[in-house]
């Protein structure tokens, strides 16, 4: 049996690390129509956060990474505020995440409204953001 204490984990060259929340289901008051703001809609959120958690890989300490439960709570809180546009909600979310965790290197965010009122059958409609935090890039 392999014991980590006797043989430390060695990395040759780690390029990128990500915190991922996939297919998060939330009911949010986002929409142009008054009924959407009052009743809300079902949304699917996919989130991929570029963050250097090399220290956590060695320490096994949650304080050396971004706790995905905290990301969920922040996401839920931000998206619970009524907005007309998904674009605005996405912008609010990105701003909140960068404010809370300044070490974030990138964010890929996808917000999909499950039942958009557009008169057609679909699995959803929404927005996608791919952001690189230039403050934390070392090129």
N, C-alpha and C. Protein backbone atom coordinates (compact mmCIF):
# COMPACT_ATOMS: atom_id res chain seq x y z
N UNK A 1 0.84 -1.18 0.00
CA UNK A 1 0.00 0.00 0.00
C UNK A 1 0.88 1.24 0.00
N UNK A 2 0.50 2.18 -0.80
CA UNK A 2 1.26 3.43 -0.94
C UNK A 2 0.97 4.35 0.23
N UNK A 3 1.99 4.84 0.90
CA UNK A 3 1.82 5.76 2.01
C UNK A 3 2.36 7.12 1.63
N UNK A 4 1.50 8.14 1.74
CA UNK A 4 1.91 9.49 1.37
C UNK A 4 2.99 10.04 2.30
N UNK A 5 3.02 9.60 3.52
CA UNK A 5 4.01 10.13 4.45
C UNK A 5 5.43 9.68 4.10
N UNK A 6 5.54 8.51 3.56
CA UNK A 6 6.87 8.01 3.21
C UNK A 6 7.34 8.51 1.85
N UNK A 7 6.42 8.65 0.95
CA UNK A 7 6.76 9.11 -0.40
C UNK A 7 5.93 10.34 -0.71
N UNK A 8 6.50 11.53 -0.58
CA UNK A 8 5.71 12.74 -0.86
C UNK A 8 5.29 12.82 -2.32
N UNK A 9 4.10 13.40 -2.52
CA UNK A 9 3.60 13.59 -3.87
C UNK A 9 4.50 14.58 -4.61
N UNK A 10 4.89 14.23 -5.80
CA UNK A 10 5.74 15.11 -6.60
C UNK A 10 4.99 15.55 -7.84
N UNK A 11 5.11 16.80 -8.15
CA UNK A 11 4.50 17.34 -9.35
C UNK A 11 5.61 17.73 -10.30
N UNK A 12 5.46 17.34 -11.53
CA UNK A 12 6.45 17.74 -12.51
C UNK A 12 6.21 19.17 -12.96
N UNK A 13 5.02 19.43 -13.44
CA UNK A 13 4.67 20.80 -13.85
C UNK A 13 3.16 20.90 -13.95
N UNK A 14 2.57 21.57 -13.01
CA UNK A 14 1.12 21.71 -12.99
C UNK A 14 0.76 23.02 -13.67
N UNK A 15 -0.06 22.95 -14.71
CA UNK A 15 -0.40 24.14 -15.48
C UNK A 15 -1.57 24.91 -14.89
N UNK A 16 -2.70 24.25 -14.64
CA UNK A 16 -3.90 24.93 -14.18
C UNK A 16 -4.65 24.05 -13.19
N UNK A 17 -5.31 24.70 -12.24
CA UNK A 17 -6.18 23.99 -11.30
C UNK A 17 -7.51 24.75 -11.23
N UNK A 18 -8.59 24.01 -11.03
CA UNK A 18 -9.93 24.60 -11.07
C UNK A 18 -10.80 24.07 -9.94
N UNK A 19 -11.66 24.93 -9.44
CA UNK A 19 -12.76 24.55 -8.56
C UNK A 19 -13.98 24.48 -9.48
N UNK A 20 -14.75 23.40 -9.42
CA UNK A 20 -15.85 23.21 -10.36
C UNK A 20 -17.15 22.93 -9.60
N UNK A 21 -18.20 23.62 -10.00
CA UNK A 21 -19.55 23.29 -9.57
C UNK A 21 -20.34 23.06 -10.86
N UNK A 22 -20.86 21.87 -11.01
CA UNK A 22 -21.50 21.47 -12.26
C UNK A 22 -22.99 21.21 -12.04
N UNK A 23 -23.80 21.81 -12.90
CA UNK A 23 -25.23 21.56 -12.94
C UNK A 23 -25.93 21.91 -11.62
N UNK A 24 -25.59 23.06 -11.06
CA UNK A 24 -26.26 23.55 -9.86
C UNK A 24 -27.66 24.03 -10.24
N UNK A 25 -28.66 23.56 -9.52
CA UNK A 25 -30.05 23.90 -9.80
C UNK A 25 -30.53 24.93 -8.78
N UNK A 26 -30.97 26.10 -9.25
CA UNK A 26 -31.50 27.14 -8.37
C UNK A 26 -32.79 27.71 -8.95
N UNK A 27 -33.65 28.16 -8.08
CA UNK A 27 -34.87 28.87 -8.48
C UNK A 27 -34.62 30.34 -8.17
N UNK A 28 -34.63 31.21 -9.20
CA UNK A 28 -34.21 32.60 -9.06
C UNK A 28 -35.22 33.57 -9.66
N UNK A 29 -35.34 34.78 -9.09
CA UNK A 29 -36.25 35.80 -9.62
C UNK A 29 -35.59 36.62 -10.73
N UNK A 30 -35.26 35.98 -11.82
CA UNK A 30 -34.58 36.63 -12.94
C UNK A 30 -35.48 36.54 -14.16
N UNK A 31 -35.78 37.69 -14.75
CA UNK A 31 -36.58 37.69 -15.96
C UNK A 31 -37.12 39.06 -16.28
N UNK A 32 -37.43 39.28 -17.54
CA UNK A 32 -37.94 40.56 -18.01
C UNK A 32 -39.40 40.73 -17.63
N UNK A 33 -40.17 39.66 -17.71
CA UNK A 33 -41.60 39.73 -17.40
C UNK A 33 -41.82 39.85 -15.89
N UNK A 34 -42.85 40.60 -15.50
CA UNK A 34 -43.15 40.79 -14.07
C UNK A 34 -43.40 39.45 -13.37
N UNK A 35 -44.07 38.54 -14.05
CA UNK A 35 -44.34 37.23 -13.45
C UNK A 35 -43.05 36.48 -13.16
N UNK A 36 -42.06 36.59 -14.04
CA UNK A 36 -40.78 35.93 -13.81
C UNK A 36 -40.10 36.46 -12.55
N UNK A 37 -40.18 37.78 -12.35
CA UNK A 37 -39.58 38.39 -11.16
C UNK A 37 -40.33 37.97 -9.90
N UNK A 38 -41.65 37.84 -10.00
CA UNK A 38 -42.47 37.49 -8.84
C UNK A 38 -42.38 36.01 -8.51
N UNK A 39 -42.52 35.16 -9.52
CA UNK A 39 -42.58 33.72 -9.31
C UNK A 39 -41.20 33.07 -9.44
N UNK A 40 -40.36 33.62 -10.30
CA UNK A 40 -39.03 33.05 -10.53
C UNK A 40 -39.03 31.98 -11.59
N UNK A 41 -37.87 31.50 -11.89
CA UNK A 41 -37.65 30.45 -12.88
C UNK A 41 -36.59 29.48 -12.35
N UNK A 42 -36.55 28.31 -12.96
CA UNK A 42 -35.50 27.34 -12.63
C UNK A 42 -34.30 27.60 -13.52
N UNK A 43 -33.12 27.61 -12.90
CA UNK A 43 -31.88 27.86 -13.61
C UNK A 43 -30.87 26.76 -13.34
N UNK A 44 -30.01 26.54 -14.31
CA UNK A 44 -28.86 25.63 -14.18
C UNK A 44 -27.61 26.48 -14.26
N UNK A 45 -26.71 26.31 -13.29
CA UNK A 45 -25.47 27.08 -13.25
C UNK A 45 -24.30 26.12 -13.31
N UNK A 46 -23.39 26.38 -14.23
CA UNK A 46 -22.13 25.65 -14.31
C UNK A 46 -21.03 26.67 -14.08
N UNK A 47 -20.09 26.32 -13.19
CA UNK A 47 -19.06 27.26 -12.79
C UNK A 47 -17.72 26.56 -12.73
N UNK A 48 -16.73 27.17 -13.33
CA UNK A 48 -15.36 26.66 -13.32
C UNK A 48 -14.46 27.83 -12.94
N UNK A 49 -13.83 27.73 -11.76
CA UNK A 49 -13.02 28.81 -11.23
C UNK A 49 -11.55 28.40 -11.27
N UNK A 50 -10.75 29.14 -12.01
CA UNK A 50 -9.31 28.91 -12.04
C UNK A 50 -8.69 29.47 -10.77
N UNK A 51 -8.06 28.59 -9.99
CA UNK A 51 -7.50 29.00 -8.71
C UNK A 51 -6.34 28.07 -8.37
N UNK A 52 -5.26 28.64 -7.90
CA UNK A 52 -4.08 27.84 -7.55
C UNK A 52 -4.28 27.21 -6.18
N UNK A 53 -4.61 25.91 -6.17
CA UNK A 53 -4.79 25.23 -4.89
C UNK A 53 -3.68 24.20 -4.63
N UNK A 54 -2.50 24.49 -5.16
CA UNK A 54 -1.35 23.61 -4.93
C UNK A 54 -1.07 23.43 -3.43
N UNK A 55 -1.19 24.51 -2.67
CA UNK A 55 -0.93 24.42 -1.23
C UNK A 55 -1.90 23.44 -0.58
N UNK A 56 -3.17 23.48 -0.98
CA UNK A 56 -4.18 22.57 -0.41
C UNK A 56 -3.89 21.11 -0.77
N UNK A 57 -3.29 20.90 -1.93
CA UNK A 57 -2.95 19.53 -2.32
C UNK A 57 -1.94 18.92 -1.36
N UNK A 58 -1.12 19.78 -0.77
CA UNK A 58 -0.11 19.30 0.18
C UNK A 58 -0.62 19.34 1.62
N UNK A 59 -1.35 20.40 1.97
CA UNK A 59 -1.74 20.61 3.37
C UNK A 59 -2.99 19.84 3.78
N UNK A 60 -3.88 19.56 2.83
CA UNK A 60 -5.18 18.94 3.11
C UNK A 60 -6.02 19.85 4.02
N UNK A 61 -5.84 21.16 3.86
CA UNK A 61 -6.52 22.16 4.68
C UNK A 61 -7.41 23.02 3.79
N UNK A 62 -8.71 23.09 4.10
CA UNK A 62 -9.67 23.82 3.28
C UNK A 62 -9.35 25.31 3.21
N UNK A 63 -8.64 25.84 4.18
CA UNK A 63 -8.30 27.26 4.13
C UNK A 63 -7.26 27.58 3.05
N UNK A 64 -6.66 26.56 2.45
CA UNK A 64 -5.68 26.75 1.38
C UNK A 64 -6.31 26.64 -0.01
N UNK A 65 -7.63 26.67 -0.07
CA UNK A 65 -8.33 26.58 -1.34
C UNK A 65 -9.59 27.43 -1.27
N UNK A 66 -10.41 27.36 -2.29
CA UNK A 66 -11.73 27.99 -2.26
C UNK A 66 -12.73 26.89 -1.93
N UNK A 67 -13.45 27.07 -0.86
CA UNK A 67 -14.43 26.09 -0.42
C UNK A 67 -15.65 26.16 -1.35
N UNK A 68 -15.93 25.09 -2.05
CA UNK A 68 -17.03 25.12 -3.01
C UNK A 68 -18.38 25.31 -2.34
N UNK A 69 -18.52 24.92 -1.06
CA UNK A 69 -19.76 25.20 -0.34
C UNK A 69 -19.95 26.70 -0.14
N UNK A 70 -18.86 27.42 0.11
CA UNK A 70 -18.92 28.88 0.24
C UNK A 70 -19.24 29.52 -1.11
N UNK A 71 -18.73 28.95 -2.20
CA UNK A 71 -19.05 29.45 -3.54
C UNK A 71 -20.54 29.26 -3.82
N UNK A 72 -21.07 28.10 -3.45
CA UNK A 72 -22.50 27.86 -3.62
C UNK A 72 -23.32 28.89 -2.84
N UNK A 73 -22.98 29.12 -1.58
CA UNK A 73 -23.73 30.07 -0.76
C UNK A 73 -23.68 31.47 -1.37
N UNK A 74 -22.52 31.89 -1.86
CA UNK A 74 -22.39 33.22 -2.47
C UNK A 74 -23.21 33.28 -3.76
N UNK A 75 -23.18 32.23 -4.55
CA UNK A 75 -23.96 32.15 -5.78
C UNK A 75 -25.45 32.24 -5.49
N UNK A 76 -25.90 31.45 -4.52
CA UNK A 76 -27.31 31.46 -4.14
C UNK A 76 -27.74 32.84 -3.67
N UNK A 77 -26.91 33.48 -2.86
CA UNK A 77 -27.24 34.80 -2.35
C UNK A 77 -27.33 35.83 -3.48
N UNK A 78 -26.34 35.86 -4.35
CA UNK A 78 -26.32 36.85 -5.45
C UNK A 78 -27.51 36.65 -6.39
N UNK A 79 -27.80 35.41 -6.75
CA UNK A 79 -28.86 35.14 -7.71
C UNK A 79 -30.26 35.20 -7.09
N UNK A 80 -30.34 35.39 -5.79
CA UNK A 80 -31.65 35.55 -5.15
C UNK A 80 -32.21 36.97 -5.29
N UNK A 81 -31.37 37.90 -5.74
CA UNK A 81 -31.81 39.28 -5.95
C UNK A 81 -32.41 39.42 -7.35
N UNK A 82 -33.61 40.00 -7.45
CA UNK A 82 -34.28 40.12 -8.75
C UNK A 82 -33.47 40.97 -9.75
N UNK A 83 -33.35 40.46 -10.95
CA UNK A 83 -32.79 41.21 -12.08
C UNK A 83 -33.65 40.90 -13.30
N UNK A 84 -33.65 41.82 -14.25
CA UNK A 84 -34.39 41.58 -15.48
C UNK A 84 -33.62 40.64 -16.41
N UNK A 85 -32.32 40.83 -16.49
CA UNK A 85 -31.51 40.09 -17.47
C UNK A 85 -30.57 39.07 -16.81
N UNK A 86 -30.44 37.94 -17.45
CA UNK A 86 -29.46 36.94 -17.02
C UNK A 86 -28.06 37.54 -17.13
N UNK A 87 -27.84 38.39 -18.12
CA UNK A 87 -26.54 39.02 -18.29
C UNK A 87 -26.14 39.82 -17.04
N UNK A 88 -27.10 40.55 -16.47
CA UNK A 88 -26.85 41.33 -15.26
C UNK A 88 -26.56 40.40 -14.09
N UNK A 89 -27.34 39.34 -13.96
CA UNK A 89 -27.13 38.37 -12.88
C UNK A 89 -25.74 37.74 -12.99
N UNK A 90 -25.32 37.40 -14.21
CA UNK A 90 -23.99 36.82 -14.43
C UNK A 90 -22.90 37.81 -14.05
N UNK A 91 -23.07 39.07 -14.45
CA UNK A 91 -22.10 40.10 -14.09
C UNK A 91 -22.02 40.29 -12.59
N UNK A 92 -23.16 40.29 -11.91
CA UNK A 92 -23.18 40.41 -10.45
C UNK A 92 -22.45 39.25 -9.80
N UNK A 93 -22.65 38.06 -10.35
CA UNK A 93 -22.02 36.88 -9.78
C UNK A 93 -20.51 36.91 -9.93
N UNK A 94 -20.04 37.26 -11.12
CA UNK A 94 -18.60 37.34 -11.36
C UNK A 94 -17.97 38.40 -10.44
N UNK A 95 -18.62 39.53 -10.33
CA UNK A 95 -18.12 40.60 -9.46
C UNK A 95 -18.04 40.15 -8.00
N UNK A 96 -19.06 39.46 -7.53
CA UNK A 96 -19.09 38.97 -6.15
C UNK A 96 -17.99 37.94 -5.89
N UNK A 97 -17.79 37.02 -6.84
CA UNK A 97 -16.76 35.99 -6.66
C UNK A 97 -15.36 36.61 -6.63
N UNK A 98 -15.09 37.55 -7.54
CA UNK A 98 -13.77 38.20 -7.58
C UNK A 98 -13.54 39.04 -6.33
N UNK A 99 -14.60 39.64 -5.82
CA UNK A 99 -14.48 40.44 -4.60
C UNK A 99 -14.19 39.55 -3.39
N UNK A 100 -14.85 38.43 -3.31
CA UNK A 100 -14.71 37.51 -2.17
C UNK A 100 -13.37 36.76 -2.20
N UNK A 101 -12.94 36.36 -3.41
CA UNK A 101 -11.71 35.59 -3.56
C UNK A 101 -10.81 36.25 -4.61
N UNK A 102 -10.01 37.25 -4.20
CA UNK A 102 -9.20 38.00 -5.15
C UNK A 102 -8.13 37.15 -5.86
N UNK A 103 -7.83 35.97 -5.33
CA UNK A 103 -6.83 35.10 -5.96
C UNK A 103 -7.36 34.32 -7.15
N UNK A 104 -8.63 34.49 -7.49
CA UNK A 104 -9.21 33.80 -8.65
C UNK A 104 -8.48 34.24 -9.91
N UNK A 105 -8.07 33.27 -10.72
CA UNK A 105 -7.35 33.56 -11.95
C UNK A 105 -8.27 33.60 -13.17
N UNK A 106 -9.35 32.83 -13.12
CA UNK A 106 -10.29 32.83 -14.24
C UNK A 106 -11.64 32.31 -13.76
N UNK A 107 -12.68 32.68 -14.50
CA UNK A 107 -14.02 32.19 -14.22
C UNK A 107 -14.68 31.85 -15.55
N UNK A 108 -15.22 30.64 -15.62
CA UNK A 108 -16.10 30.24 -16.71
C UNK A 108 -17.46 30.02 -16.05
N UNK A 109 -18.44 30.80 -16.46
CA UNK A 109 -19.76 30.76 -15.85
C UNK A 109 -20.81 30.59 -16.94
N UNK A 110 -21.72 29.68 -16.70
CA UNK A 110 -22.84 29.46 -17.62
C UNK A 110 -24.12 29.45 -16.79
N UNK A 111 -25.06 30.31 -17.15
CA UNK A 111 -26.36 30.36 -16.49
C UNK A 111 -27.43 30.10 -17.55
N UNK A 112 -28.22 29.06 -17.34
CA UNK A 112 -29.25 28.65 -18.29
C UNK A 112 -30.62 28.70 -17.62
N UNK A 113 -31.55 29.44 -18.22
CA UNK A 113 -32.95 29.45 -17.76
C UNK A 113 -33.60 28.20 -18.34
N UNK A 114 -34.12 27.35 -17.48
CA UNK A 114 -34.64 26.05 -17.90
C UNK A 114 -35.91 26.15 -18.75
N UNK A 115 -36.80 27.06 -18.46
CA UNK A 115 -38.06 27.18 -19.19
C UNK A 115 -38.25 28.62 -19.67
N UNK A 116 -37.46 29.04 -20.62
CA UNK A 116 -37.58 30.44 -21.05
C UNK A 116 -38.89 30.70 -21.79
N UNK A 117 -39.54 31.83 -21.49
CA UNK A 117 -40.81 32.15 -22.16
C UNK A 117 -40.56 32.73 -23.55
N UNK A 118 -40.27 31.85 -24.50
CA UNK A 118 -39.97 32.33 -25.86
C UNK A 118 -40.82 31.65 -26.92
N UNK A 119 -41.80 30.87 -26.52
CA UNK A 119 -42.70 30.26 -27.48
C UNK A 119 -42.12 29.11 -28.27
N UNK A 120 -41.07 28.48 -27.75
CA UNK A 120 -40.46 27.34 -28.44
C UNK A 120 -40.03 26.31 -27.40
N UNK A 121 -39.96 25.06 -27.82
CA UNK A 121 -39.45 24.02 -26.94
C UNK A 121 -37.92 24.03 -26.99
N UNK A 122 -37.31 24.05 -25.81
CA UNK A 122 -35.85 23.96 -25.74
C UNK A 122 -35.47 23.48 -24.35
N UNK A 123 -34.23 23.10 -24.19
CA UNK A 123 -33.72 22.70 -22.88
C UNK A 123 -33.35 23.92 -22.06
N UNK A 124 -33.35 25.09 -22.67
CA UNK A 124 -33.04 26.31 -21.94
C UNK A 124 -32.34 27.33 -22.80
N UNK A 125 -32.21 28.54 -22.24
CA UNK A 125 -31.51 29.62 -22.91
C UNK A 125 -30.77 30.41 -21.84
N UNK A 126 -29.64 30.98 -22.19
CA UNK A 126 -28.90 31.70 -21.18
C UNK A 126 -27.66 32.38 -21.70
N UNK A 127 -26.70 32.55 -20.80
CA UNK A 127 -25.45 33.24 -21.12
C UNK A 127 -24.27 32.45 -20.61
N UNK A 128 -23.12 32.77 -21.20
CA UNK A 128 -21.87 32.14 -20.82
C UNK A 128 -20.80 33.22 -20.78
N UNK A 129 -19.98 33.20 -19.73
CA UNK A 129 -18.89 34.17 -19.58
C UNK A 129 -17.59 33.40 -19.41
N UNK A 130 -16.55 33.84 -20.11
CA UNK A 130 -15.19 33.31 -19.93
C UNK A 130 -14.32 34.51 -19.57
N UNK A 131 -13.90 34.58 -18.31
CA UNK A 131 -13.18 35.74 -17.81
C UNK A 131 -11.81 35.32 -17.32
N UNK A 132 -10.81 36.12 -17.64
CA UNK A 132 -9.47 35.95 -17.09
C UNK A 132 -9.17 37.17 -16.25
N UNK A 133 -8.76 36.94 -15.02
CA UNK A 133 -8.43 38.02 -14.10
C UNK A 133 -6.97 38.42 -14.36
N UNK A 134 -6.77 39.51 -15.11
CA UNK A 134 -5.42 39.94 -15.48
C UNK A 134 -4.55 40.26 -14.27
N UNK A 135 -5.16 40.60 -13.15
CA UNK A 135 -4.39 40.92 -11.93
C UNK A 135 -3.62 39.71 -11.43
N UNK A 136 -4.11 38.51 -11.74
CA UNK A 136 -3.50 37.30 -11.19
C UNK A 136 -2.80 36.45 -12.25
N UNK A 137 -2.66 36.97 -13.46
CA UNK A 137 -1.99 36.20 -14.50
C UNK A 137 -0.51 36.56 -14.52
N UNK A 138 0.31 35.54 -14.57
CA UNK A 138 1.76 35.76 -14.63
C UNK A 138 2.28 35.29 -15.97
N UNK A 139 2.13 36.14 -16.97
CA UNK A 139 2.60 35.79 -18.32
C UNK A 139 3.90 36.49 -18.62
